[in-house]
Amino acid sequence: MNDSLFHGKVRMLLQYFENAMIRLRYVSLIAVVASGLASVLMFVIGALKVYGAYRSYFSDVVIDTTASTEAANVAITFLIQAVDAFLIGLVFMIFSGGIYYLYVRHIDTNEPEVQSWIKIHDIGQLKNILAELVIIILFVKFLEGGLKTAFNEYEWQMLVLPAGIMMLAIALKLLELKKP
């Protein structure tokens, strides 16, 4: 009889602990909201970069038509920086959505189907998506640096970043191949 009372109290304590852990998952809303706000900020920065590209190109070309090549290079640099900002914004958006769907959202069969690009099944899938986006962002950074450098100023050290990007991509592919 005493043994049954002990097991009942242990079961009640475990139930209390499980309920507390389930409620604790809402703490991850901090990461969801902060990442969502970071995403919005990066999209605004990207839009401002696109605006800067238009402004610099058209103000230079209207004033001096011979400066169109230089103005185009400045505009291209702004646009590449905009793509970089948009990609980082996407990283934050996917991270925010992934954390929300993994930890906060109550799975209910009556809820509408989630878009397949935001459906995150586990933390490993979220990490793979983020790793792929980091590789793309690094590639954009390489392009940005390549456009800022004159053709006759290229040195072998510039190959370090693309070599690192290639190694990261190969490592990510090898990790995907190991999955059952």
C-alpha atoms as a PDB file:
ATOM      1  CA  MET A   1       0.000   0.000   0.000  1.00  0.00           C
ATOM      2  CA  ASN A   2       2.784   2.391   0.916  1.00  0.00           C
ATOM      3  CA  ASP A   3       4.583   1.509  -2.325  1.00  0.00           C
ATOM      4  CA  SER A   4       1.485   2.475  -4.340  1.00  0.00           C
ATOM      5  CA  LEU A   5       1.323   5.855  -2.577  1.00  0.00           C
ATOM      6  CA  PHE A   6       4.989   6.500  -3.402  1.00  0.00           C
ATOM      7  CA  HIS A   7       4.468   5.671  -7.098  1.00  0.00           C
ATOM      8  CA  GLY A   8       1.404   7.927  -7.188  1.00  0.00           C
ATOM      9  CA  LYS A   9       3.394  10.862  -5.814  1.00  0.00           C
ATOM     10  CA  VAL A  10       6.243  10.217  -8.253  1.00  0.00           C
ATOM     11  CA  ARG A  11       3.754  10.055 -11.131  1.00  0.00           C
ATOM     12  CA  MET A  12       2.163  13.322  -9.951  1.00  0.00           C
ATOM     13  CA  LEU A  13       5.590  14.993  -9.683  1.00  0.00           C
ATOM     14  CA  LEU A  14       6.538  13.800 -13.173  1.00  0.00           C
ATOM     15  CA  GLN A  15       3.228  15.121 -14.548  1.00  0.00           C
ATOM     16  CA  TYR A  16       3.882  18.501 -12.914  1.00  0.00           C
ATOM     17  CA  PHE A  17       7.414  18.566 -14.377  1.00  0.00           C
ATOM     18  CA  GLU A  18       6.162  17.646 -17.882  1.00  0.00           C
ATOM     19  CA  ASN A  19       3.509  20.369 -17.752  1.00  0.00           C
ATOM     20  CA  ALA A  20       6.120  22.908 -16.673  1.00  0.00           C
ATOM     21  CA  MET A  21       8.399  21.864 -19.548  1.00  0.00           C
ATOM     22  CA  ILE A  22       5.542  22.149 -22.044  1.00  0.00           C
ATOM     23  CA  ARG A  23       4.800  25.680 -20.835  1.00  0.00           C
ATOM     24  CA  LEU A  24       8.503  26.544 -20.907  1.00  0.00           C
ATOM     25  CA  ARG A  25       8.548  26.118 -24.687  1.00  0.00           C
ATOM     26  CA  TYR A  26       6.863  29.527 -24.954  1.00  0.00           C
ATOM     27  CA  VAL A  27      10.153  31.111 -23.888  1.00  0.00           C
ATOM     28  CA  SER A  28      11.306  30.397 -27.444  1.00  0.00           C
ATOM     29  CA  LEU A  29       8.853  33.093 -28.551  1.00  0.00           C
ATOM     30  CA  ILE A  30      11.623  35.531 -27.641  1.00  0.00           C
ATOM     31  CA  ALA A  31      13.768  34.039 -30.417  1.00  0.00           C
ATOM     32  CA  VAL A  32      10.797  33.975 -32.810  1.00  0.00           C
ATOM     33  CA  VAL A  33       9.929  37.639 -32.290  1.00  0.00           C
ATOM     34  CA  ALA A  34      13.547  38.847 -32.262  1.00  0.00           C
ATOM     35  CA  SER A  35      14.370  36.908 -35.440  1.00  0.00           C
ATOM     36  CA  GLY A  36      11.202  38.178 -37.106  1.00  0.00           C
ATOM     37  CA  LEU A  37      12.151  41.761 -36.282  1.00  0.00           C
ATOM     38  CA  ALA A  38      15.694  41.144 -37.530  1.00  0.00           C
ATOM     39  CA  SER A  39      14.216  39.806 -40.769  1.00  0.00           C
ATOM     40  CA  VAL A  40      12.119  42.938 -41.249  1.00  0.00           C
ATOM     41  CA  LEU A  41      15.168  45.113 -40.556  1.00  0.00           C
ATOM     42  CA  MET A  42      17.260  43.246 -43.144  1.00  0.00           C
ATOM     43  CA  PHE A  43      14.502  43.586 -45.752  1.00  0.00           C
ATOM     44  CA  VAL A  44      14.360  47.338 -45.082  1.00  0.00           C
ATOM     45  CA  ILE A  45      18.157  47.558 -45.395  1.00  0.00           C
ATOM     46  CA  GLY A  46      17.977  45.621 -48.676  1.00  0.00           C
ATOM     47  CA  ALA A  47      15.269  47.931 -50.022  1.00  0.00           C
ATOM     48  CA  LEU A  48      17.374  50.960 -49.071  1.00  0.00           C
ATOM     49  CA  LYS A  49      20.349  49.429 -50.911  1.00  0.00           C
ATOM     50  CA  VAL A  50      18.191  49.017 -54.042  1.00  0.00           C
ATOM     51  CA  TYR A  51      17.072  52.633 -53.680  1.00  0.00           C
ATOM     52  CA  GLY A  52      20.734  53.649 -53.308  1.00  0.00           C
ATOM     53  CA  ALA A  53      21.593  51.780 -56.509  1.00  0.00           C
ATOM     54  CA  TYR A  54      18.924  53.646 -58.463  1.00  0.00           C
ATOM     55  CA  ARG A  55      19.863  56.964 -56.881  1.00  0.00           C
ATOM     56  CA  SER A  56      23.598  56.623 -57.509  1.00  0.00           C
ATOM     57  CA  TYR A  57      23.185  55.338 -61.060  1.00  0.00           C
ATOM     58  CA  PHE A  58      20.639  57.833 -62.282  1.00  0.00           C
ATOM     59  CA  SER A  59      22.145  60.848 -60.486  1.00  0.00           C
ATOM     60  CA  ASP A  60      25.602  60.130 -61.953  1.00  0.00           C
ATOM     61  CA  VAL A  61      24.359  59.294 -65.455  1.00  0.00           C
ATOM     62  CA  VAL A  62      22.056  62.314 -65.664  1.00  0.00           C
ATOM     63  CA  ILE A  63      24.840  64.646 -64.546  1.00  0.00           C
ATOM     64  CA  ASP A  64      27.672  63.105 -66.574  1.00  0.00           C
ATOM     65  CA  THR A  65      26.922  60.615 -69.341  1.00  0.00           C
ATOM     66  CA  THR A  66      30.597  59.594 -69.588  1.00  0.00           C
ATOM     67  CA  ALA A  67      30.493  58.278 -66.007  1.00  0.00           C
ATOM     68  CA  SER A  68      27.941  55.597 -66.846  1.00  0.00           C
ATOM     69  CA  THR A  69      30.413  52.687 -66.461  1.00  0.00           C
ATOM     70  CA  GLU A  70      31.531  53.843 -63.031  1.00  0.00           C
ATOM     71  CA  ALA A  71      27.927  54.580 -62.022  1.00  0.00           C
ATOM     72  CA  ALA A  72      26.896  51.110 -63.206  1.00  0.00           C
ATOM     73  CA  ASN A  73      29.654  49.505 -61.102  1.00  0.00           C
ATOM     74  CA  VAL A  74      28.514  51.438 -58.019  1.00  0.00           C
ATOM     75  CA  ALA A  75      24.893  50.455 -58.691  1.00  0.00           C
ATOM     76  CA  ILE A  76      25.879  46.799 -59.138  1.00  0.00           C
ATOM     77  CA  THR A  77      27.740  46.883 -55.822  1.00  0.00           C
ATOM     78  CA  PHE A  78      24.646  48.337 -54.132  1.00  0.00           C
ATOM     79  CA  LEU A  79      22.459  45.652 -55.721  1.00  0.00           C
ATOM     80  CA  ILE A  80      24.752  42.834 -54.605  1.00  0.00           C
ATOM     81  CA  GLN A  81      24.686  44.265 -51.092  1.00  0.00           C
ATOM     82  CA  ALA A  82      20.870  44.352 -51.360  1.00  0.00           C
ATOM     83  CA  VAL A  83      20.793  40.676 -52.353  1.00  0.00           C
ATOM     84  CA  ASP A  84      23.036  39.943 -49.377  1.00  0.00           C
ATOM     85  CA  ALA A  85      20.692  41.827 -47.029  1.00  0.00           C
ATOM     86  CA  PHE A  86      17.638  40.052 -48.474  1.00  0.00           C
ATOM     87  CA  LEU A  87      19.300  36.656 -48.057  1.00  0.00           C
ATOM     88  CA  ILE A  88      20.189  37.404 -44.451  1.00  0.00           C
ATOM     89  CA  GLY A  89      16.588  38.560 -43.949  1.00  0.00           C
ATOM     90  CA  LEU A  90      15.416  35.227 -45.363  1.00  0.00           C
ATOM     91  CA  VAL A  91      17.727  33.398 -42.966  1.00  0.00           C
ATOM     92  CA  PHE A  92      16.138  35.211 -40.035  1.00  0.00           C
ATOM     93  CA  MET A  93      12.634  34.630 -41.411  1.00  0.00           C
ATOM     94  CA  ILE A  94      13.185  30.895 -41.929  1.00  0.00           C
ATOM     95  CA  PHE A  95      14.836  30.601 -38.521  1.00  0.00           C
ATOM     96  CA  SER A  96      11.941  32.438 -36.882  1.00  0.00           C
ATOM     97  CA  GLY A  97       9.345  30.309 -38.638  1.00  0.00           C
ATOM     98  CA  GLY A  98      11.273  27.118 -37.968  1.00  0.00           C
ATOM     99  CA  ILE A  99      11.564  27.802 -34.252  1.00  0.00           C
ATOM    100  CA  TYR A 100       7.873  28.708 -34.104  1.00  0.00           C
ATOM    101  CA  TYR A 101       6.732  25.534 -35.885  1.00  0.00           C
ATOM    102  CA  LEU A 102       9.110  23.304 -33.935  1.00  0.00           C
ATOM    103  CA  TYR A 103       8.560  24.574 -30.413  1.00  0.00           C
ATOM    104  CA  VAL A 104       5.596  26.923 -30.062  1.00  0.00           C
ATOM    105  CA  ARG A 105       2.818  25.963 -32.449  1.00  0.00           C
ATOM    106  CA  HIS A 106       0.465  23.350 -31.135  1.00  0.00           C
ATOM    107  CA  ILE A 107       0.136  20.642 -33.783  1.00  0.00           C
ATOM    108  CA  ASP A 108      -3.550  20.277 -34.537  1.00  0.00           C
ATOM    109  CA  THR A 109      -4.857  18.141 -37.389  1.00  0.00           C
ATOM    110  CA  ASN A 110      -7.667  20.641 -38.045  1.00  0.00           C
ATOM    111  CA  GLU A 111      -5.270  23.481 -38.850  1.00  0.00           C
ATOM    112  CA  PRO A 112      -4.638  24.395 -42.489  1.00  0.00           C
ATOM    113  CA  GLU A 113      -1.613  22.933 -44.254  1.00  0.00           C
ATOM    114  CA  VAL A 114       1.610  24.868 -43.792  1.00  0.00           C
ATOM    115  CA  GLN A 115       3.579  25.902 -46.868  1.00  0.00           C
ATOM    116  CA  SER A 116       6.176  23.260 -47.676  1.00  0.00           C
ATOM    117  CA  TRP A 117       9.110  25.714 -47.640  1.00  0.00           C
ATOM    118  CA  ILE A 118       8.429  26.681 -44.027  1.00  0.00           C
ATOM    119  CA  LYS A 119       7.509  23.206 -42.778  1.00  0.00           C
ATOM    120  CA  ILE A 120      10.383  22.266 -40.503  1.00  0.00           C
ATOM    121  CA  HIS A 121      10.243  18.710 -39.171  1.00  0.00           C
ATOM    122  CA  ASP A 122      13.268  18.765 -36.893  1.00  0.00           C
ATOM    123  CA  ILE A 123      16.153  20.949 -35.781  1.00  0.00           C
ATOM    124  CA  GLY A 124      18.543  19.167 -38.176  1.00  0.00           C
ATOM    125  CA  GLN A 125      16.465  20.238 -41.167  1.00  0.00           C
ATOM    126  CA  LEU A 126      16.461  23.822 -39.882  1.00  0.00           C
ATOM    127  CA  LYS A 127      20.254  23.718 -39.502  1.00  0.00           C
ATOM    128  CA  ASN A 128      20.647  22.382 -43.061  1.00  0.00           C
ATOM    129  CA  ILE A 129      18.510  25.171 -44.498  1.00  0.00           C
ATOM    130  CA  LEU A 130      20.476  27.767 -42.559  1.00  0.00           C
ATOM    131  CA  ALA A 131      23.798  26.221 -43.651  1.00  0.00           C
ATOM    132  CA  GLU A 132      22.731  26.358 -47.303  1.00  0.00           C
ATOM    133  CA  LEU A 133      21.775  30.014 -46.947  1.00  0.00           C
ATOM    134  CA  VAL A 134      25.086  30.809 -45.241  1.00  0.00           C
ATOM    135  CA  ILE A 135      26.917  29.255 -48.215  1.00  0.00           C
ATOM    136  CA  ILE A 136      24.891  31.423 -50.602  1.00  0.00           C
ATOM    137  CA  ILE A 137      25.580  34.537 -48.518  1.00  0.00           C
ATOM    138  CA  LEU A 138      29.316  33.779 -48.518  1.00  0.00           C
ATOM    139  CA  PHE A 139      29.197  33.382 -52.296  1.00  0.00           C
ATOM    140  CA  VAL A 140      27.473  36.765 -52.612  1.00  0.00           C
ATOM    141  CA  LYS A 141      30.180  38.283 -50.380  1.00  0.00           C
ATOM    142  CA  PHE A 142      32.805  36.802 -52.702  1.00  0.00           C
ATOM    143  CA  LEU A 143      31.088  38.361 -55.718  1.00  0.00           C
ATOM    144  CA  GLU A 144      30.882  41.676 -53.918  1.00  0.00           C
ATOM    145  CA  GLY A 145      34.624  41.609 -53.206  1.00  0.00           C
ATOM    146  CA  GLY A 146      35.389  40.530 -56.756  1.00  0.00           C
ATOM    147  CA  LEU A 147      33.484  43.453 -58.214  1.00  0.00           C
ATOM    148  CA  LYS A 148      35.308  45.936 -55.997  1.00  0.00           C
ATOM    149  CA  THR A 149      38.706  44.702 -57.175  1.00  0.00           C
ATOM    150  CA  ALA A 150      40.171  45.765 -60.506  1.00  0.00           C
ATOM    151  CA  PHE A 151      40.983  42.902 -62.859  1.00  0.00           C
ATOM    152  CA  ASN A 152      44.752  43.543 -62.773  1.00  0.00           C
ATOM    153  CA  GLU A 153      44.746  43.560 -58.939  1.00  0.00           C
ATOM    154  CA  TYR A 154      43.529  39.986 -58.435  1.00  0.00           C
ATOM    155  CA  GLU A 155      45.797  37.884 -56.247  1.00  0.00           C
ATOM    156  CA  TRP A 156      45.775  34.223 -55.263  1.00  0.00           C
ATOM    157  CA  GLN A 157      44.507  35.115 -51.746  1.00  0.00           C
ATOM    158  CA  MET A 158      41.134  35.912 -53.288  1.00  0.00           C
ATOM    159  CA  LEU A 159      40.706  32.185 -53.904  1.00  0.00           C
ATOM    160  CA  VAL A 160      40.612  31.429 -50.179  1.00  0.00           C
ATOM    161  CA  LEU A 161      36.955  32.425 -49.764  1.00  0.00           C
ATOM    162  CA  PRO A 162      35.609  30.433 -52.754  1.00  0.00           C
ATOM    163  CA  ALA A 163      37.717  27.440 -51.694  1.00  0.00           C
ATOM    164  CA  GLY A 164      36.210  27.664 -48.205  1.00  0.00           C
ATOM    165  CA  ILE A 165      32.718  27.997 -49.692  1.00  0.00           C
ATOM    166  CA  MET A 166      33.331  24.913 -51.815  1.00  0.00           C
ATOM    167  CA  MET A 167      34.548  22.933 -48.792  1.00  0.00           C
ATOM    168  CA  LEU A 168      31.465  23.982 -46.801  1.00  0.00           C
ATOM    169  CA  ALA A 169      29.183  22.952 -49.670  1.00  0.00           C
ATOM    170  CA  ILE A 170      30.912  19.575 -50.008  1.00  0.00           C
ATOM    171  CA  ALA A 171      30.706  18.997 -46.246  1.00  0.00           C
ATOM    172  CA  LEU A 172      27.007  19.845 -46.265  1.00  0.00           C
ATOM    173  CA  LYS A 173      26.427  17.460 -49.169  1.00  0.00           C
ATOM    174  CA  LEU A 174      28.327  14.686 -47.391  1.00  0.00           C
ATOM    175  CA  LEU A 175      26.219  15.226 -44.266  1.00  0.00           C
ATOM    176  CA  GLU A 176      23.044  14.931 -46.347  1.00  0.00           C
ATOM    177  CA  LEU A 177      24.291  11.674 -47.918  1.00  0.00           C
ATOM    178  CA  LYS A 178      24.820  10.103 -44.462  1.00  0.00           C
ATOM    179  CA  LYS A 179      21.140  10.485 -43.564  1.00  0.00           C
ATOM    180  CA  PRO A 180      19.136   7.233 -43.696  1.00  0.00           C
END
